[in-house]
Protein backbone atom coordinates (compact mmCIF):
# COMPACT_ATOMS: atom_id res chain seq x y z
CA MET A 1 -0.14 0.06 0.18
CA ALA A 2 1.46 3.75 -0.58
CA GLU A 3 2.18 5.68 1.98
CA ILE A 4 0.20 9.18 2.34
CA SER A 5 0.94 12.14 3.44
CA PHE A 6 -0.49 13.35 7.37
CA ASP A 7 -2.36 16.10 4.86
CA ASP A 8 -4.05 13.13 2.69
CA PHE A 9 -5.14 11.30 6.47
CA MET A 10 -6.48 15.13 8.00
CA ALA A 11 -8.57 14.92 5.00
CA VAL A 12 -10.50 11.91 5.94
CA ASP A 13 -12.74 13.14 8.95
CA VAL A 14 -14.01 10.45 11.03
CA ARG A 15 -15.82 11.30 13.87
CA VAL A 16 -17.98 9.71 17.21
CA GLY A 17 -21.66 9.36 17.11
CA THR A 18 -24.04 7.71 18.47
CA VAL A 19 -26.80 5.52 16.74
CA VAL A 20 -30.35 6.93 17.95
CA GLN A 21 -32.15 4.63 15.19
CA ALA A 22 -31.63 0.63 13.56
CA GLU A 23 -33.35 -1.52 11.28
CA PRO A 24 -34.10 -3.92 8.78
CA TYR A 25 -32.33 -3.43 5.84
CA PRO A 26 -34.45 -6.56 4.61
CA GLU A 27 -33.86 -5.21 0.19
CA ALA A 28 -30.49 -4.85 0.62
CA ARG A 29 -28.57 -8.07 -2.13
CA LYS A 30 -26.41 -8.63 1.30
CA PRO A 31 -28.45 -8.76 4.33
CA ALA A 32 -27.62 -5.54 5.90
CA ILE A 33 -29.25 -2.92 8.73
CA LYS A 34 -30.23 1.02 8.10
CA ILE A 35 -28.27 2.89 10.84
CA TRP A 36 -28.80 6.39 12.16
CA VAL A 37 -26.22 7.91 13.43
CA ASP A 38 -26.22 11.25 16.05
CA PHE A 39 -22.85 13.17 15.44
CA GLY A 40 -23.77 16.18 17.68
CA GLY A 41 -24.88 19.83 16.75
CA GLN A 42 -22.64 20.76 13.53
CA ILE A 43 -22.97 17.32 11.66
CA GLY A 44 -26.60 16.41 13.17
CA VAL A 45 -27.85 12.98 12.69
CA LYS A 46 -26.69 11.12 9.38
CA LYS A 47 -28.17 7.56 8.13
CA THR A 48 -26.08 4.94 6.78
CA SER A 49 -26.37 1.27 5.74
CA ALA A 50 -23.92 -1.68 7.01
CA GLN A 51 -23.07 -5.33 7.05
CA VAL A 52 -23.05 -6.14 10.20
CA THR A 53 -25.97 -8.57 10.59
CA VAL A 54 -23.77 -11.54 11.87
CA HIS A 55 -22.35 -9.85 15.27
CA TYR A 56 -25.78 -7.00 15.86
CA THR A 57 -29.14 -6.25 15.53
CA PRO A 58 -31.42 -3.56 15.39
CA GLN A 59 -31.79 -3.40 18.84
CA THR A 60 -28.22 -4.04 20.26
CA LEU A 61 -27.14 -1.22 18.28
CA VAL A 62 -29.45 1.49 19.01
CA GLY A 63 -27.39 3.38 21.63
CA ARG A 64 -23.91 2.24 20.66
CA GLN A 65 -20.47 4.83 19.83
CA VAL A 66 -19.47 3.93 16.75
CA MET A 67 -16.85 5.82 14.17
CA ALA A 68 -17.57 6.76 10.66
CA VAL A 69 -16.29 8.74 8.04
CA VAL A 70 -18.36 12.20 7.35
CA ASN A 71 -17.42 13.67 4.15
CA PHE A 72 -17.72 11.19 1.65
CA PRO A 73 -20.71 12.18 -0.38
CA PRO A 74 -23.93 10.82 -0.75
CA ARG A 75 -24.01 7.13 -1.51
CA GLN A 76 -27.73 5.31 -3.20
CA ILE A 77 -27.09 1.82 -2.00
CA GLY A 78 -29.92 -0.02 -3.61
CA LYS A 79 -33.17 2.70 -2.34
CA PHE A 80 -31.17 3.74 0.41
CA MET A 81 -29.51 6.78 0.27
CA SER A 82 -26.03 6.44 2.51
CA GLU A 83 -24.38 9.57 4.31
CA VAL A 84 -21.94 8.18 5.95
CA LEU A 85 -19.54 5.26 6.09
CA VAL A 86 -19.24 3.20 9.45
CA LEU A 87 -16.19 1.61 10.17
CA GLY A 88 -15.36 -1.40 11.53
CA PHE A 89 -12.87 -4.66 11.14
CA PRO A 90 -13.41 -8.65 9.47
CA ASP A 91 -13.52 -10.74 12.56
CA GLU A 92 -12.08 -13.95 11.45
CA ASP A 93 -14.90 -15.04 9.48
CA GLY A 94 -14.56 -11.70 7.43
CA ALA A 95 -17.91 -9.77 9.63
CA ILE A 96 -18.00 -7.06 10.78
CA VAL A 97 -16.93 -5.96 14.13
CA LEU A 98 -17.79 -2.41 14.19
CA ALA A 99 -14.75 0.26 15.27
CA THR A 100 -16.01 2.01 18.24
CA PRO A 101 -14.53 3.75 21.48
CA ASP A 102 -13.26 1.74 24.37
CA LYS A 103 -14.78 5.16 26.91
CA PRO A 104 -17.55 6.88 26.41
CA VAL A 105 -16.35 10.71 24.33
CA PRO A 106 -18.81 13.76 23.34
CA GLN A 107 -20.48 13.43 20.15
CA GLY A 108 -19.38 14.62 16.63
CA GLY A 109 -15.18 14.04 18.59
CA ARG A 110 -13.00 13.96 15.28
CA LEU A 111 -10.12 10.91 15.36
CA HIS A 112 -6.83 12.13 16.26
């Protein structure tokens, strides 16, 4: 993988927010959940879909803090418009585990 500059890293706006709503997305080609994340004052609530159904249900996502890229342009995912990219890592079987802070932090905090 090519090296990037610090300015390249700073161009990616990764913020923390709290899932305020989640619901099944049965129309998705691969199993997914629709997620609404509150990033606080300046950013507000943004929506996305995520293929995280192996480890999470809509009920277990609500109230969880997650990390997401908030400065990508909106992207149409089937009939749903995704406004942010929630971040995660694959487990040993390839199922996504969400990236989260290990202690509660203020909404909208930026990754350093």
